[in-house]
Amino acid sequence: MVIGQNLSVTSSHFANFWARLAMRYRSHKNVIFGLMNEPYDQSFVILVSVLNHAIAKIRRVEAPNLVLVPGNAWTGAHSWVTSGNSVAMLQIQDPIMNSAFEVHQYLDHDSSGTHHDCTFGGGASRLKAFTNWARANRRRGFLGEFAITTSSGCEAELNDLLSYVAANSDVWLGWAYWAGGPWWGEEPFTIAPADIWNPIDRPQMNTLRAFL
């Protein structure tokens, strides 16, 4: 069901939900509002309208919290320009200018996060188009989802990815790895210890720790 394209869940429903949540957490400055996870195959016009409606409602209840705004096409950093996000998302409006675009980026050959491989050189190169767009348009970014397996070369690509984010901190606010927690089981991207009673770091933590 696509928000704003179905009478069951309208743009007003979505905005009112966010207004109520914002009222609850508006005094918690460390709470960040992530509006939506990976919208795709949507009308840009409707998506932008829905997102703007939610942001307006959040600000109307005087919530100053940082808002993370997704793009269309699974909000991929690598496809930000080619997907049309670079044009459409310039229409996002935040009255107090405390928002950032949340993008996701995987390092397998098609950036889908469904394979174990990591493409050589992908760690930094796939963020460049978004970074250049954000800098040119005075926007900010947050790398809200990325991960690697333990396949050969992946650790080096992860290091390059996070080094690039750190080197371009005028654009990038930060990052969040996916995923952790015991409910993921043996998901190949997980960084949760296999045994909570005898916790041993997953290999990915060797790289992540350096950027914490």
N, C-alpha and C. Protein backbone atom coordinates (compact mmCIF):
# COMPACT_ATOMS: atom_id res chain seq x y z
N MET A 1 0.84 -1.19 0.00
CA MET A 1 0.00 0.00 0.00
C MET A 1 0.88 1.24 0.00
N VAL A 2 0.65 2.15 -0.93
CA VAL A 2 1.46 3.35 -1.06
C VAL A 2 0.77 4.51 -0.37
N ILE A 3 1.44 5.10 0.59
CA ILE A 3 0.88 6.24 1.32
C ILE A 3 0.61 7.38 0.37
N GLY A 4 -0.59 7.92 0.46
CA GLY A 4 -0.96 9.05 -0.39
C GLY A 4 -1.59 8.66 -1.71
N GLN A 5 -1.58 7.36 -2.03
CA GLN A 5 -2.19 6.89 -3.26
C GLN A 5 -3.36 5.96 -2.99
N ASN A 6 -3.74 5.84 -1.73
CA ASN A 6 -4.82 4.94 -1.33
C ASN A 6 -5.62 5.61 -0.22
N LEU A 7 -6.93 5.51 -0.30
CA LEU A 7 -7.78 6.15 0.70
C LEU A 7 -7.63 5.54 2.09
N SER A 8 -7.09 4.33 2.16
CA SER A 8 -6.91 3.69 3.46
C SER A 8 -5.80 4.36 4.27
N VAL A 9 -4.77 4.83 3.57
CA VAL A 9 -3.67 5.53 4.24
C VAL A 9 -3.33 6.76 3.41
N THR A 10 -3.91 7.88 3.78
CA THR A 10 -3.72 9.12 3.04
C THR A 10 -2.52 9.89 3.57
N SER A 11 -2.18 10.94 2.86
CA SER A 11 -1.11 11.82 3.32
C SER A 11 -1.45 12.42 4.67
N SER A 12 -2.71 12.73 4.91
CA SER A 12 -3.13 13.29 6.20
C SER A 12 -2.97 12.28 7.32
N HIS A 13 -3.30 11.01 7.05
CA HIS A 13 -3.09 9.97 8.05
C HIS A 13 -1.62 9.91 8.47
N PHE A 14 -0.77 9.92 7.47
CA PHE A 14 0.67 9.82 7.72
C PHE A 14 1.18 11.04 8.49
N ALA A 15 0.77 12.21 8.07
CA ALA A 15 1.21 13.44 8.73
C ALA A 15 0.71 13.53 10.17
N ASN A 16 -0.53 13.11 10.39
CA ASN A 16 -1.09 13.15 11.74
C ASN A 16 -0.38 12.16 12.66
N PHE A 17 -0.01 11.01 12.11
CA PHE A 17 0.79 10.06 12.89
C PHE A 17 2.08 10.71 13.36
N TRP A 18 2.77 11.37 12.43
CA TRP A 18 4.04 11.99 12.78
C TRP A 18 3.85 13.15 13.74
N ALA A 19 2.77 13.89 13.63
CA ALA A 19 2.51 14.98 14.57
C ALA A 19 2.36 14.45 15.99
N ARG A 20 1.63 13.34 16.13
CA ARG A 20 1.42 12.76 17.45
C ARG A 20 2.73 12.21 18.03
N LEU A 21 3.52 11.57 17.18
CA LEU A 21 4.81 11.05 17.63
C LEU A 21 5.75 12.19 18.00
N ALA A 22 5.71 13.23 17.20
CA ALA A 22 6.58 14.39 17.44
C ALA A 22 6.24 15.08 18.76
N MET A 23 4.97 15.16 19.08
CA MET A 23 4.56 15.76 20.35
C MET A 23 5.12 14.97 21.53
N ARG A 24 5.19 13.66 21.36
CA ARG A 24 5.69 12.80 22.43
C ARG A 24 7.19 12.98 22.64
N TYR A 25 7.94 13.21 21.56
CA TYR A 25 9.39 13.22 21.67
C TYR A 25 10.03 14.58 21.38
N ARG A 26 9.26 15.62 21.26
CA ARG A 26 9.82 16.92 20.88
C ARG A 26 10.78 17.50 21.91
N SER A 27 10.68 17.07 23.15
CA SER A 27 11.59 17.59 24.17
C SER A 27 12.85 16.74 24.31
N HIS A 28 12.96 15.68 23.51
CA HIS A 28 14.13 14.80 23.54
C HIS A 28 15.02 15.13 22.34
N LYS A 29 16.00 15.96 22.56
CA LYS A 29 16.79 16.49 21.44
C LYS A 29 17.61 15.41 20.74
N ASN A 30 17.85 14.29 21.40
CA ASN A 30 18.65 13.23 20.78
C ASN A 30 17.81 12.22 20.00
N VAL A 31 16.50 12.43 19.94
CA VAL A 31 15.63 11.55 19.16
C VAL A 31 15.55 12.09 17.73
N ILE A 32 15.82 11.23 16.78
CA ILE A 32 15.79 11.59 15.36
C ILE A 32 14.57 10.94 14.72
N PHE A 33 13.89 11.68 13.86
CA PHE A 33 12.70 11.16 13.17
C PHE A 33 13.08 10.69 11.77
N GLY A 34 13.00 9.38 11.52
CA GLY A 34 13.20 8.82 10.18
C GLY A 34 11.84 8.59 9.54
N LEU A 35 11.47 9.38 8.57
CA LEU A 35 10.09 9.42 8.08
C LEU A 35 9.59 8.12 7.48
N MET A 36 10.42 7.43 6.71
CA MET A 36 9.93 6.28 5.95
C MET A 36 11.13 5.46 5.48
N ASN A 37 10.97 4.15 5.39
CA ASN A 37 12.08 3.30 4.97
C ASN A 37 11.95 2.86 3.51
N GLU A 38 12.87 3.30 2.69
CA GLU A 38 13.05 2.84 1.31
C GLU A 38 11.79 2.82 0.44
N PRO A 39 11.13 3.96 0.23
CA PRO A 39 10.05 3.98 -0.75
C PRO A 39 10.60 3.67 -2.15
N TYR A 40 9.78 3.06 -2.98
CA TYR A 40 10.25 2.74 -4.33
C TYR A 40 9.06 2.66 -5.29
N ASP A 41 9.35 2.84 -6.57
CA ASP A 41 8.34 2.76 -7.63
C ASP A 41 7.14 3.66 -7.34
N GLN A 42 7.39 4.84 -6.82
CA GLN A 42 6.31 5.76 -6.50
C GLN A 42 6.35 6.99 -7.39
N SER A 43 5.24 7.68 -7.45
CA SER A 43 5.20 8.98 -8.10
C SER A 43 6.03 9.95 -7.27
N PHE A 44 6.99 10.60 -7.91
CA PHE A 44 7.80 11.58 -7.19
C PHE A 44 6.93 12.71 -6.65
N VAL A 45 5.96 13.13 -7.43
CA VAL A 45 5.10 14.24 -7.01
C VAL A 45 4.36 13.88 -5.72
N ILE A 46 3.79 12.68 -5.68
CA ILE A 46 3.05 12.26 -4.49
C ILE A 46 3.99 12.03 -3.32
N LEU A 47 5.11 11.38 -3.56
CA LEU A 47 6.04 11.11 -2.47
C LEU A 47 6.53 12.41 -1.83
N VAL A 48 6.95 13.36 -2.63
CA VAL A 48 7.43 14.64 -2.10
C VAL A 48 6.33 15.35 -1.32
N SER A 49 5.11 15.31 -1.85
CA SER A 49 3.98 15.93 -1.16
C SER A 49 3.73 15.28 0.20
N VAL A 50 3.77 13.96 0.25
CA VAL A 50 3.55 13.22 1.50
C VAL A 50 4.64 13.56 2.52
N LEU A 51 5.89 13.58 2.08
CA LEU A 51 7.00 13.88 2.99
C LEU A 51 6.92 15.32 3.50
N ASN A 52 6.61 16.25 2.63
CA ASN A 52 6.49 17.65 3.04
C ASN A 52 5.33 17.86 4.01
N HIS A 53 4.25 17.13 3.79
CA HIS A 53 3.10 17.22 4.69
C HIS A 53 3.50 16.77 6.10
N ALA A 54 4.24 15.67 6.17
CA ALA A 54 4.68 15.15 7.47
C ALA A 54 5.64 16.12 8.16
N ILE A 55 6.59 16.66 7.41
CA ILE A 55 7.54 17.60 8.00
C ILE A 55 6.82 18.83 8.52
N ALA A 56 5.87 19.35 7.74
CA ALA A 56 5.12 20.53 8.17
C ALA A 56 4.37 20.28 9.47
N LYS A 57 3.78 19.10 9.59
CA LYS A 57 3.04 18.75 10.81
C LYS A 57 3.98 18.62 12.01
N ILE A 58 5.14 18.03 11.79
CA ILE A 58 6.13 17.90 12.86
C ILE A 58 6.55 19.28 13.37
N ARG A 59 6.80 20.19 12.47
CA ARG A 59 7.21 21.53 12.87
C ARG A 59 6.06 22.33 13.47
N ARG A 60 4.84 22.03 13.06
CA ARG A 60 3.68 22.76 13.57
C ARG A 60 3.46 22.48 15.06
N VAL A 61 3.87 21.32 15.52
CA VAL A 61 3.75 21.01 16.95
C VAL A 61 5.03 21.39 17.69
N GLU A 62 5.87 22.17 17.02
CA GLU A 62 7.09 22.74 17.61
C GLU A 62 8.10 21.68 18.03
N ALA A 63 8.20 20.65 17.23
CA ALA A 63 9.25 19.64 17.45
C ALA A 63 10.48 20.04 16.63
N PRO A 64 11.61 20.29 17.28
CA PRO A 64 12.80 20.74 16.56
C PRO A 64 13.72 19.61 16.12
N ASN A 65 13.33 18.37 16.34
CA ASN A 65 14.19 17.21 16.11
C ASN A 65 14.69 17.13 14.67
N LEU A 66 15.87 16.55 14.51
CA LEU A 66 16.39 16.25 13.18
C LEU A 66 15.45 15.27 12.48
N VAL A 67 15.12 15.56 11.22
CA VAL A 67 14.26 14.70 10.42
C VAL A 67 15.09 14.10 9.29
N LEU A 68 15.03 12.77 9.15
CA LEU A 68 15.70 12.09 8.05
C LEU A 68 14.68 11.80 6.96
N VAL A 69 14.97 12.27 5.76
CA VAL A 69 14.04 12.19 4.63
C VAL A 69 14.57 11.18 3.61
N PRO A 70 13.76 10.19 3.20
CA PRO A 70 14.23 9.22 2.21
C PRO A 70 13.98 9.71 0.79
N GLY A 71 14.72 9.16 -0.14
CA GLY A 71 14.41 9.38 -1.54
C GLY A 71 13.62 8.21 -2.09
N ASN A 72 13.23 8.30 -3.33
CA ASN A 72 12.55 7.21 -4.02
C ASN A 72 13.61 6.16 -4.44
N ALA A 73 13.19 5.10 -5.09
CA ALA A 73 14.11 4.08 -5.63
C ALA A 73 14.98 3.48 -4.54
N TRP A 74 14.35 3.10 -3.43
CA TRP A 74 15.04 2.51 -2.28
C TRP A 74 16.08 3.45 -1.69
N THR A 75 15.98 4.72 -1.99
CA THR A 75 16.84 5.80 -1.49
C THR A 75 18.33 5.48 -1.63
N GLY A 76 18.69 4.88 -2.76
CA GLY A 76 20.08 4.50 -3.01
C GLY A 76 20.98 5.70 -3.26
N ALA A 77 22.13 5.72 -2.61
CA ALA A 77 23.09 6.80 -2.85
C ALA A 77 23.65 6.72 -4.26
N HIS A 78 23.97 5.50 -4.71
CA HIS A 78 24.59 5.31 -6.03
C HIS A 78 23.69 5.76 -7.17
N SER A 79 22.37 5.71 -6.96
CA SER A 79 21.42 6.04 -8.03
C SER A 79 20.69 7.35 -7.78
N TRP A 80 21.18 8.15 -6.85
CA TRP A 80 20.47 9.38 -6.47
C TRP A 80 20.22 10.29 -7.67
N VAL A 81 21.19 10.40 -8.53
CA VAL A 81 21.04 11.28 -9.71
C VAL A 81 20.27 10.58 -10.82
N THR A 82 20.63 9.35 -11.14
CA THR A 82 20.00 8.66 -12.26
C THR A 82 18.54 8.29 -11.99
N SER A 83 18.16 8.16 -10.73
CA SER A 83 16.79 7.78 -10.39
C SER A 83 15.81 8.94 -10.46
N GLY A 84 16.33 10.15 -10.45
CA GLY A 84 15.46 11.33 -10.43
C GLY A 84 15.37 11.99 -9.07
N ASN A 85 15.94 11.36 -8.05
CA ASN A 85 15.91 11.96 -6.71
C ASN A 85 16.59 13.32 -6.66
N SER A 86 17.64 13.48 -7.44
CA SER A 86 18.41 14.73 -7.39
C SER A 86 17.59 15.93 -7.82
N VAL A 87 16.55 15.71 -8.60
CA VAL A 87 15.66 16.80 -9.01
C VAL A 87 14.47 16.90 -8.07
N ALA A 88 13.80 15.79 -7.85
CA ALA A 88 12.58 15.79 -7.05
C ALA A 88 12.81 16.21 -5.61
N MET A 89 13.88 15.75 -5.00
CA MET A 89 14.08 15.99 -3.57
C MET A 89 14.52 17.41 -3.25
N LEU A 90 14.80 18.21 -4.27
CA LEU A 90 15.04 19.63 -4.03
C LEU A 90 13.76 20.35 -3.62
N GLN A 91 12.63 19.68 -3.80
CA GLN A 91 11.34 20.28 -3.42
C GLN A 91 10.97 20.01 -1.96
N ILE A 92 11.80 19.25 -1.26
CA ILE A 92 11.54 19.01 0.16
C ILE A 92 11.73 20.31 0.93
N GLN A 93 10.79 20.60 1.81
CA GLN A 93 10.82 21.85 2.56
C GLN A 93 10.77 21.58 4.06
N ASP A 94 11.65 22.22 4.77
CA ASP A 94 11.68 22.14 6.23
C ASP A 94 11.79 23.56 6.77
N PRO A 95 10.77 24.05 7.45
CA PRO A 95 10.76 25.44 7.92
C PRO A 95 11.94 25.82 8.79
N ILE A 96 12.49 24.86 9.55
CA ILE A 96 13.61 25.21 10.43
C ILE A 96 14.94 24.63 9.93
N MET A 97 14.92 24.03 8.75
CA MET A 97 16.14 23.55 8.10
C MET A 97 16.94 22.61 8.98
N ASN A 98 16.25 21.69 9.65
CA ASN A 98 16.95 20.68 10.45
C ASN A 98 16.58 19.29 9.94
N SER A 99 16.95 19.04 8.73
CA SER A 99 16.67 17.75 8.10
C SER A 99 17.87 17.31 7.27
N ALA A 100 17.88 16.03 6.94
CA ALA A 100 18.93 15.47 6.10
C ALA A 100 18.32 14.35 5.28
N PHE A 101 18.94 14.04 4.16
CA PHE A 101 18.46 12.95 3.32
C PHE A 101 19.15 11.65 3.75
N GLU A 102 18.32 10.68 4.09
CA GLU A 102 18.86 9.37 4.46
C GLU A 102 19.01 8.53 3.20
N VAL A 103 20.22 8.09 2.94
CA VAL A 103 20.47 7.22 1.79
C VAL A 103 21.05 5.90 2.26
N HIS A 104 20.86 4.87 1.45
CA HIS A 104 21.37 3.54 1.75
C HIS A 104 22.36 3.13 0.66
N GLN A 105 23.35 2.35 1.06
CA GLN A 105 24.32 1.92 0.06
C GLN A 105 24.95 0.59 0.42
N TYR A 106 24.77 -0.39 -0.45
CA TYR A 106 25.42 -1.68 -0.30
C TYR A 106 26.56 -1.78 -1.31
N LEU A 107 27.45 -2.71 -1.06
CA LEU A 107 28.70 -2.76 -1.82
C LEU A 107 28.83 -3.98 -2.72
N ASP A 108 27.74 -4.75 -2.87
CA ASP A 108 27.79 -5.86 -3.82
C ASP A 108 27.66 -5.32 -5.24
N HIS A 109 27.72 -6.20 -6.24
CA HIS A 109 27.87 -5.73 -7.61
C HIS A 109 26.70 -4.91 -8.13
N ASP A 110 25.50 -5.11 -7.58
CA ASP A 110 24.35 -4.33 -8.04
C ASP A 110 23.77 -3.41 -6.96
N SER A 111 24.49 -3.23 -5.88
CA SER A 111 24.10 -2.34 -4.77
C SER A 111 22.79 -2.74 -4.10
N SER A 112 22.41 -4.00 -4.22
CA SER A 112 21.12 -4.44 -3.69
C SER A 112 21.21 -4.95 -2.26
N GLY A 113 22.41 -5.35 -1.83
CA GLY A 113 22.55 -5.94 -0.52
C GLY A 113 22.01 -7.35 -0.44
N THR A 114 21.93 -8.02 -1.58
CA THR A 114 21.42 -9.39 -1.61
C THR A 114 22.49 -10.41 -1.98
N HIS A 115 23.73 -9.96 -2.13
CA HIS A 115 24.83 -10.85 -2.49
C HIS A 115 25.97 -10.70 -1.48
N HIS A 116 26.83 -11.69 -1.46
CA HIS A 116 27.94 -11.67 -0.50
C HIS A 116 29.16 -10.91 -1.01
N ASP A 117 29.22 -10.63 -2.31
CA ASP A 117 30.41 -10.02 -2.88
C ASP A 117 30.49 -8.53 -2.57
N CYS A 118 31.68 -7.97 -2.73
CA CYS A 118 31.89 -6.52 -2.66
C CYS A 118 32.67 -6.10 -3.90
N THR A 119 32.19 -5.09 -4.59
CA THR A 119 32.83 -4.64 -5.81
C THR A 119 34.06 -3.79 -5.49
N PHE A 120 35.16 -4.10 -6.11
CA PHE A 120 36.40 -3.35 -5.88
C PHE A 120 36.20 -1.88 -6.25
N GLY A 121 36.54 -1.00 -5.32
CA GLY A 121 36.41 0.43 -5.56
C GLY A 121 35.05 1.01 -5.27
N GLY A 122 34.10 0.15 -4.91
CA GLY A 122 32.74 0.64 -4.68
C GLY A 122 32.55 1.38 -3.37
N GLY A 123 33.47 1.16 -2.42
CA GLY A 123 33.30 1.72 -1.10
C GLY A 123 33.17 3.22 -1.06
N ALA A 124 33.94 3.92 -1.87
CA ALA A 124 33.87 5.37 -1.91
C ALA A 124 33.13 5.88 -3.14
N SER A 125 33.32 5.22 -4.28
CA SER A 125 32.80 5.76 -5.53
C SER A 125 31.28 5.86 -5.56
N ARG A 126 30.59 4.97 -4.88
CA ARG A 126 29.13 4.96 -4.95
C ARG A 126 28.48 6.08 -4.15
N LEU A 127 29.25 6.76 -3.34
CA LEU A 127 28.71 7.88 -2.58
C LEU A 127 28.98 9.23 -3.24
N LYS A 128 29.82 9.24 -4.25
CA LYS A 128 30.30 10.52 -4.79
C LYS A 128 29.20 11.36 -5.44
N ALA A 129 28.32 10.73 -6.22
CA ALA A 129 27.27 11.50 -6.91
C ALA A 129 26.35 12.18 -5.90
N PHE A 130 25.96 11.44 -4.87
CA PHE A 130 25.11 12.05 -3.85
C PHE A 130 25.85 13.17 -3.12
N THR A 131 27.09 12.92 -2.77
CA THR A 131 27.87 13.92 -2.04
C THR A 131 28.00 15.20 -2.84
N ASN A 132 28.32 15.08 -4.11
CA ASN A 132 28.46 16.27 -4.96
C ASN A 132 27.15 17.02 -5.08
N TRP A 133 26.06 16.27 -5.23
CA TRP A 133 24.73 16.90 -5.30
C TRP A 133 24.40 17.64 -4.01
N ALA A 134 24.62 16.99 -2.88
CA ALA A 134 24.29 17.59 -1.59
C ALA A 134 25.12 18.85 -1.35
N ARG A 135 26.39 18.77 -1.65
CA ARG A 135 27.26 19.93 -1.43
C ARG A 135 26.84 21.09 -2.33
N ALA A 136 26.57 20.81 -3.58
CA ALA A 136 26.19 21.86 -4.52
C ALA A 136 24.87 22.52 -4.15
N ASN A 137 23.99 21.75 -3.51
CA ASN A 137 22.66 22.27 -3.17
C ASN A 137 22.48 22.55 -1.68
N ARG A 138 23.58 22.52 -0.96
CA ARG A 138 23.57 22.83 0.48
C ARG A 138 22.59 21.95 1.24
N ARG A 139 22.67 20.66 0.95
CA ARG A 139 21.88 19.67 1.66
C ARG A 139 22.80 18.77 2.48
N ARG A 140 22.22 18.03 3.41
CA ARG A 140 23.00 17.13 4.25
C ARG A 140 22.55 15.68 4.03
N GLY A 141 23.44 14.76 4.34
CA GLY A 141 23.13 13.34 4.14
C GLY A 141 23.43 12.52 5.38
N PHE A 142 22.73 11.40 5.48
CA PHE A 142 22.98 10.43 6.55
C PHE A 142 22.97 9.05 5.91
N LEU A 143 24.04 8.29 6.11
CA LEU A 143 24.14 6.94 5.53
C LEU A 143 23.42 5.98 6.47
N GLY A 144 22.15 5.76 6.20
CA GLY A 144 21.29 5.08 7.15
C GLY A 144 21.28 3.57 7.07
N GLU A 145 21.90 3.01 6.04
CA GLU A 145 21.92 1.55 5.93
C GLU A 145 23.05 1.14 4.99
N PHE A 146 23.90 0.25 5.48
CA PHE A 146 24.97 -0.34 4.68
C PHE A 146 25.46 -1.56 5.44
N ALA A 147 26.16 -2.43 4.78
CA ALA A 147 26.64 -3.64 5.44
C ALA A 147 27.58 -4.40 4.51
N ILE A 148 28.35 -5.29 5.11
CA ILE A 148 29.19 -6.20 4.33
C ILE A 148 29.12 -7.60 4.95
N THR A 149 29.48 -8.58 4.14
CA THR A 149 29.69 -9.92 4.64
C THR A 149 31.19 -10.08 4.93
N THR A 150 31.60 -11.28 5.22
CA THR A 150 33.02 -11.52 5.48
C THR A 150 33.76 -11.99 4.22
N SER A 151 33.16 -11.79 3.06
CA SER A 151 33.80 -12.20 1.81
C SER A 151 35.08 -11.42 1.57
N SER A 152 35.95 -11.98 0.79
CA SER A 152 37.25 -11.38 0.50
C SER A 152 37.10 -9.97 -0.08
N GLY A 153 37.85 -9.04 0.45
CA GLY A 153 37.86 -7.67 -0.05
C GLY A 153 36.83 -6.77 0.56
N CYS A 154 35.85 -7.33 1.26
CA CYS A 154 34.75 -6.51 1.78
C CYS A 154 35.20 -5.58 2.90
N GLU A 155 36.10 -6.05 3.74
CA GLU A 155 36.56 -5.22 4.85
C GLU A 155 37.26 -3.96 4.33
N ALA A 156 38.03 -4.09 3.28
CA ALA A 156 38.72 -2.94 2.69
C ALA A 156 37.72 -1.96 2.10
N GLU A 157 36.66 -2.48 1.46
CA GLU A 157 35.65 -1.61 0.88
C GLU A 157 34.86 -0.88 1.97
N LEU A 158 34.58 -1.57 3.07
CA LEU A 158 33.89 -0.93 4.19
C LEU A 158 34.75 0.19 4.76
N ASN A 159 36.03 -0.04 4.89
CA ASN A 159 36.95 0.99 5.37
C ASN A 159 36.94 2.20 4.45
N ASP A 160 36.95 1.96 3.14
CA ASP A 160 36.92 3.06 2.17
C ASP A 160 35.61 3.83 2.26
N LEU A 161 34.51 3.12 2.44
CA LEU A 161 33.19 3.76 2.55
C LEU A 161 33.16 4.71 3.73
N LEU A 162 33.54 4.23 4.90
CA LEU A 162 33.46 5.06 6.10
C LEU A 162 34.53 6.14 6.13
N SER A 163 35.67 5.88 5.50
CA SER A 163 36.70 6.92 5.38
C SER A 163 36.19 8.08 4.52
N TYR A 164 35.46 7.72 3.47
CA TYR A 164 34.90 8.75 2.59
C TYR A 164 33.88 9.60 3.34
N VAL A 165 33.00 8.96 4.11
CA VAL A 165 32.01 9.69 4.90
C VAL A 165 32.71 10.64 5.87
N ALA A 166 33.73 10.15 6.56
CA ALA A 166 34.46 10.98 7.52
C ALA A 166 35.17 12.15 6.85
N ALA A 167 35.68 11.93 5.65
CA ALA A 167 36.42 12.98 4.94
C ALA A 167 35.49 14.03 4.34
N ASN A 168 34.21 13.73 4.27
CA ASN A 168 33.24 14.67 3.69
C ASN A 168 32.18 15.02 4.72
N SER A 169 32.65 15.36 5.91
CA SER A 169 31.73 15.62 7.03
C SER A 169 30.94 16.92 6.87
N ASP A 170 31.29 17.74 5.89
CA ASP A 170 30.46 18.92 5.62
C ASP A 170 29.10 18.51 5.05
N VAL A 171 29.03 17.32 4.45
CA VAL A 171 27.79 16.78 3.91
C VAL A 171 27.21 15.71 4.82
N TRP A 172 28.05 14.80 5.28
CA TRP A 172 27.57 13.61 5.99
C TRP A 172 27.49 13.83 7.49
N LEU A 173 26.31 13.61 8.05
CA LEU A 173 26.11 13.74 9.49
C LEU A 173 26.57 12.50 10.25
N GLY A 174 26.53 11.36 9.60
CA GLY A 174 26.91 10.13 10.27
C GLY A 174 26.39 8.91 9.54
N TRP A 175 26.33 7.77 10.25
CA TRP A 175 25.96 6.52 9.60
C TRP A 175 25.37 5.55 10.61
N ALA A 176 24.69 4.53 10.11
CA ALA A 176 24.13 3.46 10.94
C ALA A 176 24.28 2.15 10.17
N TYR A 177 24.98 1.21 10.76
CA TYR A 177 25.20 -0.10 10.12
C TYR A 177 23.93 -0.95 10.25
N TRP A 178 23.69 -1.81 9.24
CA TRP A 178 22.57 -2.76 9.30
C TRP A 178 23.14 -4.17 9.19
N ALA A 179 22.96 -5.00 10.14
CA ALA A 179 22.05 -4.85 11.26
C ALA A 179 22.66 -5.51 12.49
N GLY A 180 21.99 -5.36 13.63
CA GLY A 180 22.43 -5.97 14.87
C GLY A 180 21.23 -6.51 15.63
N GLY A 181 21.51 -7.23 16.69
CA GLY A 181 20.42 -7.78 17.49
C GLY A 181 20.27 -9.27 17.24
N PRO A 182 19.86 -10.02 18.25
CA PRO A 182 19.81 -11.48 18.16
C PRO A 182 18.73 -12.01 17.23
N TRP A 183 17.75 -11.21 16.89
CA TRP A 183 16.65 -11.72 16.06
C TRP A 183 17.06 -11.97 14.61
N TRP A 184 18.25 -11.49 14.21
CA TRP A 184 18.68 -11.69 12.83
C TRP A 184 19.29 -13.06 12.60
N GLY A 185 19.56 -13.79 13.67
CA GLY A 185 20.11 -15.13 13.51
C GLY A 185 21.45 -15.10 12.78
N GLU A 186 21.57 -15.92 11.74
CA GLU A 186 22.82 -16.00 10.98
C GLU A 186 22.76 -15.20 9.69
N GLU A 187 21.96 -14.15 9.67
CA GLU A 187 21.99 -13.18 8.57
C GLU A 187 23.45 -12.80 8.29
N PRO A 188 23.92 -12.90 7.04
CA PRO A 188 25.35 -12.71 6.74
C PRO A 188 25.88 -11.31 7.03
N PHE A 189 24.99 -10.32 7.16
CA PHE A 189 25.44 -8.97 7.44
C PHE A 189 25.48 -8.64 8.93
N THR A 190 24.95 -9.51 9.76
CA THR A 190 24.79 -9.16 11.17
C THR A 190 26.12 -8.93 11.88
N ILE A 191 26.10 -8.03 12.85
CA ILE A 191 27.28 -7.83 13.70
C ILE A 191 26.96 -8.23 15.15
N ALA A 192 25.81 -8.87 15.35
CA ALA A 192 25.49 -9.37 16.69
C ALA A 192 26.34 -10.61 16.99
N PRO A 193 26.89 -10.71 18.18
CA PRO A 193 27.67 -11.91 18.53
C PRO A 193 26.83 -13.18 18.39
N ALA A 194 27.45 -14.24 17.95
CA ALA A 194 26.73 -15.50 17.77
C ALA A 194 26.21 -16.05 19.09
N ASP A 195 26.95 -15.81 20.14
CA ASP A 195 26.57 -16.29 21.47
C ASP A 195 26.56 -15.11 22.43
N ILE A 196 25.38 -14.70 22.88
CA ILE A 196 25.28 -13.54 23.75
C ILE A 196 25.94 -13.77 25.10
N TRP A 197 26.06 -15.05 25.51
CA TRP A 197 26.67 -15.37 26.80
C TRP A 197 28.19 -15.46 26.70
N ASN A 198 28.68 -15.58 25.49
CA ASN A 198 30.12 -15.59 25.26
C ASN A 198 30.39 -14.71 24.04
N PRO A 199 30.17 -13.40 24.22
CA PRO A 199 30.18 -12.49 23.06
C PRO A 199 31.55 -12.31 22.44
N ILE A 200 31.63 -12.64 21.18
CA ILE A 200 32.85 -12.44 20.40
C ILE A 200 32.48 -11.60 19.19
N ASP A 201 33.22 -10.53 18.99
CA ASP A 201 32.91 -9.63 17.89
C ASP A 201 32.93 -10.33 16.54
N ARG A 202 31.99 -9.96 15.68
CA ARG A 202 32.04 -10.39 14.29
C ARG A 202 33.20 -9.67 13.59
N PRO A 203 33.71 -10.23 12.50
CA PRO A 203 34.84 -9.61 11.79
C PRO A 203 34.58 -8.17 11.35
N GLN A 204 33.33 -7.83 11.02
CA GLN A 204 33.03 -6.48 10.57
C GLN A 204 33.39 -5.42 11.61
N MET A 205 33.34 -5.81 12.88
CA MET A 205 33.62 -4.86 13.95
C MET A 205 35.06 -4.39 13.93
N ASN A 206 35.96 -5.16 13.32
CA ASN A 206 37.36 -4.73 13.22
C ASN A 206 37.46 -3.38 12.51
N THR A 207 36.63 -3.20 11.51
CA THR A 207 36.62 -1.95 10.76
C THR A 207 35.72 -0.91 11.40
N LEU A 208 34.52 -1.30 11.78
CA LEU A 208 33.57 -0.35 12.34
C LEU A 208 34.11 0.36 13.57
N ARG A 209 34.82 -0.38 14.41
CA ARG A 209 35.30 0.20 15.67
C ARG A 209 36.18 1.42 15.45
N ALA A 210 36.93 1.43 14.38
CA ALA A 210 37.84 2.55 14.11
C ALA A 210 37.11 3.85 13.81
N PHE A 211 35.81 3.74 13.48
CA PHE A 211 35.05 4.93 13.09
C PHE A 211 33.99 5.32 14.12
N LEU A 212 33.97 4.62 15.24
CA LEU A 212 32.99 4.93 16.27
C LEU A 212 33.42 6.14 17.10
